[in-house]
Amino acid sequence: MLPDEQWSLGSGISVHRVRVGCAVYKLLVLFVAVGYGGMLSQIPAEHFKDFGNYLIYAEHSWVRLLGMLDRGLLVTLSNEPVWLLINAGLGAFLTAETVVRIIIFGSATSVAWLVLRSDPRHFIWLLLFMLLPVVLKNHLVHLRQGAAIALFLWGWFSPSRTVRSVLMGVTPFVHASFFFVLAVHLVAKGARCLKLGPDVRTLVFGTMGVGVAFGLAWLASLLGARQVETYNFAMTDVSGLGFVFWLLVFVIMVMDGRRFLREHAFETGIIVFYLSTYWLIEITARIFESGMLLVLLAGLALTGWRRPAFLVAIIVYGIMTWLLRMGQPAMGFAGG
């Protein structure tokens, strides 16, 4: 056999092995993702915060949607109409509890599938990310937010620009926090196109956050958003530990250099957005949580000592948040 024929044969075998390996990994991820979604959807969630409220959504979303349409298109668009349509569509054929559990299963499975297959080299870390309380609560307590995160990630990882735009564009009408997540995303893209330096981008995101902190209550009231009735647009007493932790994460990312900051302008931008509002308004924590998984994924792209430093910080963060929930009803999820 000639040398080039041997090389061709060896190359073909290598490609085949890679394809088989990819297929096996995808099957593993699918199995884990379905198991993750299935387990969360079968937890006796009637003991968890807001489960009863989601049953009401499943039963009466169509009536709510018609009521908002009577108040005007702007009010309707400000109150998550796609979330209502999802519930109304499923509720037309299924019982209320089945609707809620299908939403949990679909959202949790989708998020797990997309996150776990994003980087096979870091499967264990990705799985640990999915077990953080701040991630789990989106499929146990904040179901609306969990559904929006699933759609956002489908769009984020889509190779099609059209599909990406449609899916990401729908998310604010499932959970209003994504109006601001998309704003950060668009500003990050604009800053990259303008080739703004990391210092200027940080200033822009910080100014943006302060503006939102002082103007959000007025805007929500003007648009008739549901958050006016359910949230206090001010800062309650906070320990400051969250601020210190995410500031540390941001500093680690900054120390990785300009290239990292440019490639992950959205992820670092949403951290700055959150930090700039931390002492001013509590509700922006929900905005940050909507983009947190992408921040965690960005941390895996850190180089040198920065990546282990980031991972150690996340381990400490995860252990502390679980320890704080020990002994509480439903592991602390009963309170949100």
Protein backbone atom coordinates (compact mmCIF):
# COMPACT_ATOMS: atom_id res chain seq x y z
CA MET A 1 0.00 0.00 0.00
CA LEU A 2 1.33 3.42 -0.96
CA PRO A 3 2.03 6.01 1.80
CA ASP A 4 -0.69 8.37 0.59
CA GLU A 5 -3.18 5.48 0.54
CA GLN A 6 -2.20 4.58 4.11
CA TRP A 7 -2.66 8.21 5.18
CA SER A 8 -6.05 8.35 3.47
CA LEU A 9 -7.16 5.15 5.20
CA GLY A 10 -5.90 6.35 8.58
CA SER A 11 -7.56 9.72 8.10
CA GLY A 12 -10.84 8.04 7.22
CA ILE A 13 -10.69 5.89 10.36
CA SER A 14 -9.95 8.97 12.50
CA VAL A 15 -12.89 10.88 11.04
CA HIS A 16 -15.14 7.87 11.61
CA ARG A 17 -14.03 7.61 15.25
CA VAL A 18 -14.67 11.31 15.79
CA ARG A 19 -18.16 10.98 14.33
CA VAL A 20 -18.91 7.95 16.47
CA GLY A 21 -17.58 9.77 19.53
CA CYS A 22 -19.77 12.80 18.80
CA ALA A 23 -22.82 10.58 18.33
CA VAL A 24 -22.17 8.75 21.60
CA TYR A 25 -21.68 12.03 23.45
CA LYS A 26 -24.92 13.44 22.06
CA LEU A 27 -26.77 10.31 23.20
CA LEU A 28 -25.25 10.69 26.67
CA VAL A 29 -26.24 14.35 26.81
CA LEU A 30 -29.76 13.53 25.60
CA PHE A 31 -30.12 10.85 28.27
CA VAL A 32 -28.89 13.18 31.03
CA ALA A 33 -30.99 16.12 29.78
CA VAL A 34 -34.20 14.08 29.62
CA GLY A 35 -33.47 12.63 33.06
CA TYR A 36 -32.81 16.12 34.43
CA GLY A 37 -36.04 17.51 33.01
CA GLY A 38 -38.02 14.44 33.98
CA MET A 39 -36.87 14.49 37.60
CA LEU A 40 -37.58 18.19 38.04
CA SER A 41 -40.99 17.91 36.41
CA GLN A 42 -42.02 15.12 38.80
CA ILE A 43 -40.97 16.80 42.05
CA PRO A 44 -44.08 17.40 44.21
CA ALA A 45 -44.04 21.05 43.23
CA GLU A 46 -47.29 21.88 45.05
CA HIS A 47 -45.01 22.53 48.02
CA PHE A 48 -42.96 25.05 46.04
CA LYS A 49 -43.55 28.76 45.80
CA ASP A 50 -46.00 29.96 43.13
CA PHE A 51 -46.99 26.48 41.92
CA GLY A 52 -50.63 27.33 42.58
CA ASN A 53 -50.22 30.57 40.67
CA TYR A 54 -48.92 28.66 37.63
CA LEU A 55 -51.96 26.38 37.81
CA ILE A 56 -54.11 29.50 37.49
CA TYR A 57 -52.11 30.56 34.44
CA ALA A 58 -52.71 27.15 32.87
CA GLU A 59 -56.45 27.45 33.43
CA HIS A 60 -57.13 31.12 32.72
CA SER A 61 -54.41 32.47 30.43
CA TRP A 62 -56.77 32.99 27.49
CA VAL A 63 -59.11 35.10 29.62
CA ARG A 64 -56.15 37.12 30.91
CA LEU A 65 -54.85 37.67 27.40
CA LEU A 66 -58.22 38.90 26.14
CA GLY A 67 -58.49 41.19 29.15
CA MET A 68 -55.11 42.76 28.39
CA LEU A 69 -55.96 43.18 24.71
CA ASP A 70 -58.93 45.25 25.82
CA ARG A 71 -56.46 47.56 27.61
CA GLY A 72 -54.37 48.05 24.48
CA LEU A 73 -51.56 46.50 22.46
CA LEU A 74 -48.76 48.17 24.44
CA VAL A 75 -50.07 46.80 27.74
CA THR A 76 -50.44 43.36 26.17
CA LEU A 77 -46.88 43.32 24.82
CA SER A 78 -45.57 44.45 28.22
CA ASN A 79 -47.19 41.54 30.03
CA GLU A 80 -45.61 38.48 28.42
CA PRO A 81 -48.32 37.49 25.89
CA VAL A 82 -46.33 34.55 24.47
CA TRP A 83 -46.22 33.01 27.94
CA LEU A 84 -49.99 33.34 28.11
CA LEU A 85 -50.38 31.81 24.64
CA ILE A 86 -48.22 28.83 25.61
CA ASN A 87 -50.38 28.20 28.66
CA ALA A 88 -53.63 28.79 26.80
CA GLY A 89 -52.62 26.44 23.98
CA LEU A 90 -51.58 23.62 26.29
CA GLY A 91 -54.46 24.29 28.67
CA ALA A 92 -56.99 23.78 25.89
CA PHE A 93 -56.10 20.07 25.79
CA LEU A 94 -54.49 19.21 29.13
CA THR A 95 -55.17 19.55 32.83
CA ALA A 96 -53.61 22.51 34.62
CA GLU A 97 -51.08 20.42 36.53
CA THR A 98 -50.04 18.56 33.38
CA VAL A 99 -49.48 21.90 31.62
CA VAL A 100 -47.21 23.12 34.41
CA ARG A 101 -45.21 19.89 34.47
CA ILE A 102 -44.82 19.86 30.67
CA ILE A 103 -43.46 23.42 30.81
CA ILE A 104 -41.00 22.38 33.53
CA PHE A 105 -39.92 19.31 31.56
CA GLY A 106 -39.56 21.14 28.25
CA SER A 107 -37.63 24.07 29.69
CA ALA A 108 -35.33 22.05 31.94
CA THR A 109 -34.58 19.43 29.28
CA SER A 110 -33.86 22.09 26.65
CA VAL A 111 -31.53 24.07 28.89
CA ALA A 112 -29.67 20.94 30.00
CA TRP A 113 -29.34 19.69 26.40
CA LEU A 114 -27.99 23.00 25.10
CA VAL A 115 -25.60 23.60 27.99
CA LEU A 116 -24.22 20.07 28.24
CA ARG A 117 -23.54 19.74 24.52
CA SER A 118 -21.90 23.18 24.27
CA ASP A 119 -18.43 21.90 25.22
CA PRO A 120 -17.79 18.14 25.66
CA ARG A 121 -14.41 18.87 27.27
CA HIS A 122 -16.13 20.30 30.33
CA PHE A 123 -19.06 17.91 30.77
CA ILE A 124 -18.64 17.53 34.54
CA TRP A 125 -18.42 21.28 35.09
CA LEU A 126 -21.43 21.90 32.87
CA LEU A 127 -23.40 19.32 34.84
CA LEU A 128 -22.40 21.00 38.10
CA PHE A 129 -23.58 24.35 36.70
CA MET A 130 -26.98 22.78 36.05
CA LEU A 131 -27.19 21.76 39.73
CA LEU A 132 -26.63 25.24 41.13
CA PRO A 133 -29.68 26.54 43.05
CA VAL A 134 -29.76 29.69 40.91
CA VAL A 135 -30.24 27.47 37.84
CA LEU A 136 -32.59 24.92 39.40
CA LYS A 137 -34.97 27.58 40.70
CA ASN A 138 -35.85 28.53 37.12
CA HIS A 139 -37.47 25.11 36.71
CA LEU A 140 -39.01 24.88 40.18
CA VAL A 141 -40.08 28.39 41.14
CA HIS A 142 -39.63 30.90 38.31
CA LEU A 143 -41.08 28.76 35.52
CA ARG A 144 -41.80 31.71 33.24
CA GLN A 145 -38.15 32.74 33.42
CA GLY A 146 -37.01 29.15 32.84
CA ALA A 147 -39.07 28.91 29.66
CA ALA A 148 -37.63 32.20 28.38
CA ILE A 149 -34.07 31.09 29.16
CA ALA A 150 -34.65 27.89 27.16
CA LEU A 151 -35.83 29.87 24.13
CA PHE A 152 -32.95 32.33 24.48
CA LEU A 153 -30.37 29.53 24.57
CA TRP A 154 -31.94 27.81 21.55
CA GLY A 155 -31.49 31.09 19.72
CA TRP A 156 -28.00 31.75 21.10
CA PHE A 157 -26.67 28.39 19.90
CA SER A 158 -28.56 28.32 16.59
CA PRO A 159 -26.36 28.42 13.47
CA SER A 160 -29.15 30.23 11.61
CA ARG A 161 -29.23 34.00 11.98
CA THR A 162 -32.98 34.06 11.25
CA VAL A 163 -33.81 31.39 13.82
CA ARG A 164 -31.53 33.11 16.32
CA SER A 165 -33.23 36.47 15.82
CA VAL A 166 -36.75 35.02 16.05
CA LEU A 167 -36.17 32.91 19.16
CA MET A 168 -34.22 35.56 21.03
CA GLY A 169 -36.73 38.21 19.93
CA VAL A 170 -39.62 36.22 21.39
CA THR A 171 -38.10 35.89 24.87
CA PRO A 172 -39.22 39.29 26.30
CA PHE A 173 -42.80 38.23 25.62
CA VAL A 174 -42.27 35.15 27.78
CA HIS A 175 -40.36 36.89 30.58
CA ALA A 176 -39.93 40.66 30.67
CA SER A 177 -36.36 40.48 32.02
CA PHE A 178 -35.25 39.68 28.50
CA PHE A 179 -36.09 43.18 27.30
CA PHE A 180 -33.00 44.19 29.26
CA VAL A 181 -30.97 41.07 28.46
CA LEU A 182 -31.48 41.79 24.77
CA ALA A 183 -30.61 45.44 25.34
CA VAL A 184 -27.29 44.40 26.90
CA HIS A 185 -26.75 41.98 24.02
CA LEU A 186 -27.38 44.66 21.39
CA VAL A 187 -25.15 47.17 23.17
CA ALA A 188 -22.40 44.53 23.38
CA LYS A 189 -22.69 43.84 19.65
CA GLY A 190 -22.66 47.55 18.89
CA ALA A 191 -19.62 48.11 21.09
CA ARG A 192 -17.76 45.32 19.31
CA CYS A 193 -18.64 46.74 15.90
CA LEU A 194 -17.42 50.17 17.00
CA LYS A 195 -14.30 48.51 18.47
CA LEU A 196 -14.79 50.24 21.80
CA GLY A 197 -12.19 49.40 24.42
CA PRO A 198 -13.11 47.38 27.53
CA ASP A 199 -12.93 50.49 29.72
CA VAL A 200 -15.45 52.34 27.54
CA ARG A 201 -17.71 49.28 27.36
CA THR A 202 -17.64 48.98 31.14
CA LEU A 203 -18.65 52.62 31.47
CA VAL A 204 -21.47 52.15 28.96
CA PHE A 205 -22.90 49.07 30.70
CA GLY A 206 -22.56 50.71 34.12
CA THR A 207 -24.36 53.85 32.96
CA MET A 208 -27.02 51.71 31.35
CA GLY A 209 -27.58 49.85 34.62
CA VAL A 210 -27.89 53.01 36.70
CA GLY A 211 -30.35 54.41 34.17
CA VAL A 212 -32.49 51.29 34.41
CA ALA A 213 -32.34 51.32 38.22
CA PHE A 214 -33.75 54.83 38.42
CA GLY A 215 -36.18 54.59 35.51
CA LEU A 216 -37.58 51.07 35.72
CA ALA A 217 -40.41 51.79 38.16
CA TRP A 218 -41.63 54.70 36.02
CA LEU A 219 -41.39 52.65 32.83
CA ALA A 220 -43.22 49.64 34.29
CA SER A 221 -45.99 51.89 35.59
CA LEU A 222 -46.29 53.65 32.23
CA LEU A 223 -46.61 50.36 30.35
CA GLY A 224 -48.93 48.74 32.87
CA ALA A 225 -46.54 45.82 33.43
CA ARG A 226 -47.49 43.16 35.99
CA GLN A 227 -44.24 43.81 37.89
CA VAL A 228 -45.72 47.03 39.30
CA GLU A 229 -47.99 44.92 41.52
CA THR A 230 -45.51 42.19 42.43
CA TYR A 231 -42.16 43.93 42.94
CA ASN A 232 -40.79 46.66 45.13
CA PHE A 233 -38.66 48.84 42.85
CA ALA A 234 -36.11 49.59 45.53
CA MET A 235 -33.27 47.82 47.28
CA THR A 236 -34.05 45.87 50.41
CA ASP A 237 -31.35 45.01 52.95
CA VAL A 238 -28.60 43.00 51.27
CA SER A 239 -25.44 41.44 52.68
CA GLY A 240 -23.21 42.55 49.84
CA LEU A 241 -21.81 39.03 49.39
CA GLY A 242 -23.34 38.75 45.93
CA PHE A 243 -21.72 42.02 44.94
CA VAL A 244 -18.31 40.88 46.20
CA PHE A 245 -18.57 37.48 44.50
CA TRP A 246 -19.57 38.73 41.05
CA LEU A 247 -17.09 41.59 41.27
CA LEU A 248 -14.41 38.94 41.88
CA VAL A 249 -15.61 36.99 38.83
CA PHE A 250 -15.52 40.16 36.74
CA VAL A 251 -11.98 40.98 37.91
CA ILE A 252 -10.82 37.46 36.99
CA MET A 253 -12.30 37.91 33.51
CA VAL A 254 -10.71 41.34 33.11
CA MET A 255 -7.32 39.84 33.97
CA ASP A 256 -7.65 37.39 31.08
CA GLY A 257 -7.08 40.26 28.67
CA ARG A 258 -8.68 42.33 25.95
CA ARG A 259 -9.29 39.41 23.60
CA PHE A 260 -11.41 37.56 26.14
CA LEU A 261 -13.33 40.73 27.00
CA ARG A 262 -14.04 41.38 23.34
CA GLU A 263 -15.17 37.82 22.61
CA HIS A 264 -17.37 37.79 25.71
CA ALA A 265 -18.62 41.38 25.68
CA PHE A 266 -22.18 40.31 26.49
CA GLU A 267 -21.24 38.09 29.42
CA THR A 268 -18.96 40.67 31.04
CA GLY A 269 -21.42 43.43 30.16
CA ILE A 270 -24.31 41.81 32.00
CA ILE A 271 -22.09 41.41 35.09
CA VAL A 272 -21.30 45.15 35.02
CA PHE A 273 -24.98 45.92 34.46
CA TYR A 274 -25.87 43.89 37.56
CA LEU A 275 -23.09 45.31 39.74
CA SER A 276 -24.05 48.89 38.84
CA THR A 277 -27.60 48.27 40.08
CA TYR A 278 -26.81 46.00 43.04
CA TRP A 279 -27.22 48.67 45.73
CA LEU A 280 -30.03 50.51 43.96
CA ILE A 281 -32.77 48.07 42.97
CA GLU A 282 -33.40 44.42 43.76
CA ILE A 283 -35.30 43.37 40.64
CA THR A 284 -32.25 43.57 38.36
CA ALA A 285 -30.96 40.39 40.00
CA ARG A 286 -33.64 38.59 37.96
CA ILE A 287 -32.27 40.19 34.80
CA PHE A 288 -28.78 38.99 35.64
CA GLU A 289 -30.04 35.48 36.41
CA SER A 290 -31.53 35.30 32.91
CA GLY A 291 -28.04 35.59 31.43
CA MET A 292 -26.06 33.85 34.16
CA LEU A 293 -25.64 30.51 32.38
CA LEU A 294 -23.79 32.25 29.57
CA VAL A 295 -21.56 33.94 32.15
CA LEU A 296 -20.74 30.51 33.59
CA LEU A 297 -20.00 29.13 30.12
CA ALA A 298 -17.75 32.09 29.39
CA GLY A 299 -15.77 31.29 32.53
CA LEU A 300 -14.77 27.95 31.00
CA ALA A 301 -13.07 29.86 28.18
CA LEU A 302 -10.69 31.61 30.57
CA THR A 303 -7.01 30.81 30.13
CA GLY A 304 -4.11 30.07 32.45
CA TRP A 305 -4.70 30.37 36.19
CA ARG A 306 -7.89 32.37 35.61
CA ARG A 307 -9.99 29.32 34.77
CA PRO A 308 -9.17 27.30 37.91
CA ALA A 309 -9.61 30.48 39.97
CA PHE A 310 -13.04 30.98 38.42
CA LEU A 311 -14.02 27.35 38.98
CA VAL A 312 -12.92 27.42 42.62
CA ALA A 313 -15.03 30.55 43.10
CA ILE A 314 -18.05 28.82 41.54
CA ILE A 315 -17.55 25.73 43.74
CA VAL A 316 -17.48 27.90 46.86
CA TYR A 317 -20.52 29.82 45.60
CA GLY A 318 -22.43 26.60 44.95
CA ILE A 319 -21.58 25.03 48.31
CA MET A 320 -22.52 28.18 50.21
CA THR A 321 -25.84 28.59 48.43
CA TRP A 322 -26.77 24.97 49.11
CA LEU A 323 -25.68 25.19 52.76
CA LEU A 324 -27.83 28.28 53.24
CA ARG A 325 -30.83 26.29 52.02
CA MET A 326 -30.29 23.33 54.33
CA GLY A 327 -33.11 22.87 56.81
CA GLN A 328 -35.48 25.17 54.93
CA PRO A 329 -38.79 23.90 53.50
CA ALA A 330 -38.24 22.40 50.04
CA MET A 331 -34.51 23.21 50.31
CA GLY A 332 -35.30 26.90 50.34
CA PHE A 333 -37.26 26.88 47.09
CA ALA A 334 -40.54 27.29 48.93
CA GLY A 335 -39.54 30.89 49.53
CA GLY A 336 -38.31 31.67 46.00
